[in-house]
Amino acid sequence: MDILLYLIPIALTLGLIGLVAFLWTLKSGQYDDLDGAPHRILHDDEDDN
């Protein structure tokens, strides 16, 4: 039962870290252009050398 004194704060800390990471990705614009990547993969990049 004493192990719960360690596991609960560790679980809460990891959950908080995950939430902060998710909010950081929202703020940095990771999810702004959801259609861009599928369209970009279809187009060939040609070098104009």
N, C-alpha and C. Protein backbone atom coordinates (compact mmCIF):
# COMPACT_ATOMS: atom_id res chain seq x y z
N MET A 1 0.81 -1.19 0.00
CA MET A 1 0.00 0.00 0.00
C MET A 1 0.86 1.26 0.00
N ASP A 2 2.07 1.14 0.51
CA ASP A 2 2.96 2.30 0.53
C ASP A 2 3.42 2.69 -0.86
N ILE A 3 3.36 1.77 -1.80
CA ILE A 3 3.80 2.06 -3.16
C ILE A 3 2.89 3.09 -3.82
N LEU A 4 1.63 3.16 -3.36
CA LEU A 4 0.70 4.15 -3.92
C LEU A 4 1.14 5.57 -3.61
N LEU A 5 1.85 5.75 -2.52
CA LEU A 5 2.37 7.08 -2.19
C LEU A 5 3.38 7.56 -3.23
N TYR A 6 3.99 6.63 -3.94
CA TYR A 6 4.94 6.98 -4.99
C TYR A 6 4.28 6.99 -6.38
N LEU A 7 3.41 6.04 -6.62
CA LEU A 7 2.84 5.88 -7.95
C LEU A 7 1.85 6.98 -8.31
N ILE A 8 1.04 7.42 -7.37
CA ILE A 8 0.05 8.45 -7.68
C ILE A 8 0.70 9.78 -8.07
N PRO A 9 1.68 10.28 -7.33
CA PRO A 9 2.33 11.52 -7.78
C PRO A 9 3.09 11.36 -9.11
N ILE A 10 3.67 10.19 -9.33
CA ILE A 10 4.36 9.96 -10.60
C ILE A 10 3.36 9.96 -11.75
N ALA A 11 2.21 9.32 -11.57
CA ALA A 11 1.19 9.30 -12.61
C ALA A 11 0.64 10.69 -12.88
N LEU A 12 0.40 11.46 -11.84
CA LEU A 12 -0.09 12.82 -12.01
C LEU A 12 0.94 13.71 -12.71
N THR A 13 2.20 13.54 -12.38
CA THR A 13 3.27 14.31 -13.01
C THR A 13 3.38 13.97 -14.49
N LEU A 14 3.33 12.69 -14.84
CA LEU A 14 3.40 12.30 -16.24
C LEU A 14 2.18 12.79 -17.02
N GLY A 15 1.02 12.76 -16.40
CA GLY A 15 -0.17 13.29 -17.04
C GLY A 15 -0.07 14.79 -17.28
N LEU A 16 0.47 15.51 -16.32
CA LEU A 16 0.66 16.95 -16.46
C LEU A 16 1.68 17.26 -17.56
N ILE A 17 2.74 16.48 -17.63
CA ILE A 17 3.73 16.67 -18.69
C ILE A 17 3.10 16.44 -20.06
N GLY A 18 2.27 15.42 -20.18
CA GLY A 18 1.59 15.15 -21.44
C GLY A 18 0.64 16.27 -21.82
N LEU A 19 -0.09 16.80 -20.85
CA LEU A 19 -1.01 17.91 -21.11
C LEU A 19 -0.26 19.16 -21.54
N VAL A 20 0.84 19.46 -20.89
CA VAL A 20 1.64 20.62 -21.25
C VAL A 20 2.22 20.46 -22.66
N ALA A 21 2.67 19.25 -22.99
CA ALA A 21 3.21 19.01 -24.33
C ALA A 21 2.13 19.18 -25.39
N PHE A 22 0.92 18.69 -25.11
CA PHE A 22 -0.18 18.85 -26.05
C PHE A 22 -0.55 20.31 -26.24
N LEU A 23 -0.64 21.06 -25.16
CA LEU A 23 -0.96 22.48 -25.27
C LEU A 23 0.13 23.24 -26.00
N TRP A 24 1.39 22.84 -25.82
CA TRP A 24 2.49 23.47 -26.53
C TRP A 24 2.38 23.23 -28.04
N THR A 25 1.99 22.01 -28.44
CA THR A 25 1.84 21.74 -29.86
C THR A 25 0.66 22.52 -30.44
N LEU A 26 -0.39 22.71 -29.67
CA LEU A 26 -1.51 23.54 -30.13
C LEU A 26 -1.07 24.98 -30.34
N LYS A 27 -0.30 25.51 -29.39
CA LYS A 27 0.14 26.89 -29.47
C LYS A 27 1.13 27.11 -30.62
N SER A 28 1.95 26.12 -30.92
CA SER A 28 2.96 26.29 -31.96
C SER A 28 2.41 26.04 -33.35
N GLY A 29 1.14 25.65 -33.47
CA GLY A 29 0.51 25.52 -34.77
C GLY A 29 0.71 24.19 -35.45
N GLN A 30 0.93 23.14 -34.71
CA GLN A 30 1.16 21.82 -35.30
C GLN A 30 -0.06 21.31 -36.06
N TYR A 31 -1.25 21.70 -35.64
CA TYR A 31 -2.47 21.13 -36.20
C TYR A 31 -3.22 22.11 -37.11
N ASP A 32 -2.54 23.17 -37.56
CA ASP A 32 -3.20 24.18 -38.36
C ASP A 32 -3.52 23.70 -39.77
N ASP A 33 -2.58 23.04 -40.42
CA ASP A 33 -2.75 22.65 -41.82
C ASP A 33 -2.83 21.13 -41.92
N LEU A 34 -4.03 20.59 -41.74
CA LEU A 34 -4.20 19.14 -41.75
C LEU A 34 -4.26 18.58 -43.17
N ASP A 35 -4.62 19.41 -44.16
CA ASP A 35 -4.73 18.93 -45.54
C ASP A 35 -3.46 19.15 -46.34
N GLY A 36 -2.52 19.90 -45.82
CA GLY A 36 -1.32 20.24 -46.58
C GLY A 36 -0.39 19.06 -46.82
N ALA A 37 -0.16 18.26 -45.81
CA ALA A 37 0.78 17.14 -45.94
C ALA A 37 0.31 16.09 -46.94
N PRO A 38 -0.96 15.69 -46.94
CA PRO A 38 -1.38 14.70 -47.95
C PRO A 38 -1.28 15.24 -49.37
N HIS A 39 -1.46 16.53 -49.55
CA HIS A 39 -1.37 17.10 -50.89
C HIS A 39 0.08 17.29 -51.30
N ARG A 40 0.94 17.65 -50.36
CA ARG A 40 2.35 17.86 -50.69
C ARG A 40 3.05 16.57 -51.10
N ILE A 41 2.61 15.45 -50.56
CA ILE A 41 3.29 14.19 -50.86
C ILE A 41 3.01 13.75 -52.31
N LEU A 42 1.93 14.26 -52.90
CA LEU A 42 1.57 13.86 -54.25
C LEU A 42 2.33 14.67 -55.30
N HIS A 43 2.86 15.81 -54.95
CA HIS A 43 3.54 16.68 -55.91
C HIS A 43 5.05 16.39 -55.91
N ASP A 44 5.60 16.27 -57.12
CA ASP A 44 7.04 16.07 -57.24
C ASP A 44 7.76 17.41 -57.11
N ASP A 45 8.85 17.40 -56.41
CA ASP A 45 9.70 18.59 -56.33
C ASP A 45 10.74 18.50 -57.42
N GLU A 46 10.66 19.39 -58.36
CA GLU A 46 11.63 19.40 -59.45
C GLU A 46 12.61 20.54 -59.23
N ASP A 47 13.88 20.22 -59.33
CA ASP A 47 14.92 21.24 -59.20
C ASP A 47 15.10 21.94 -60.54
N ASP A 48 15.20 23.27 -60.50
CA ASP A 48 15.43 24.05 -61.72
C ASP A 48 16.90 24.42 -61.81
N ASN A 49 17.76 23.42 -62.04
CA ASN A 49 19.22 23.67 -62.11
C ASN A 49 19.61 24.10 -63.46
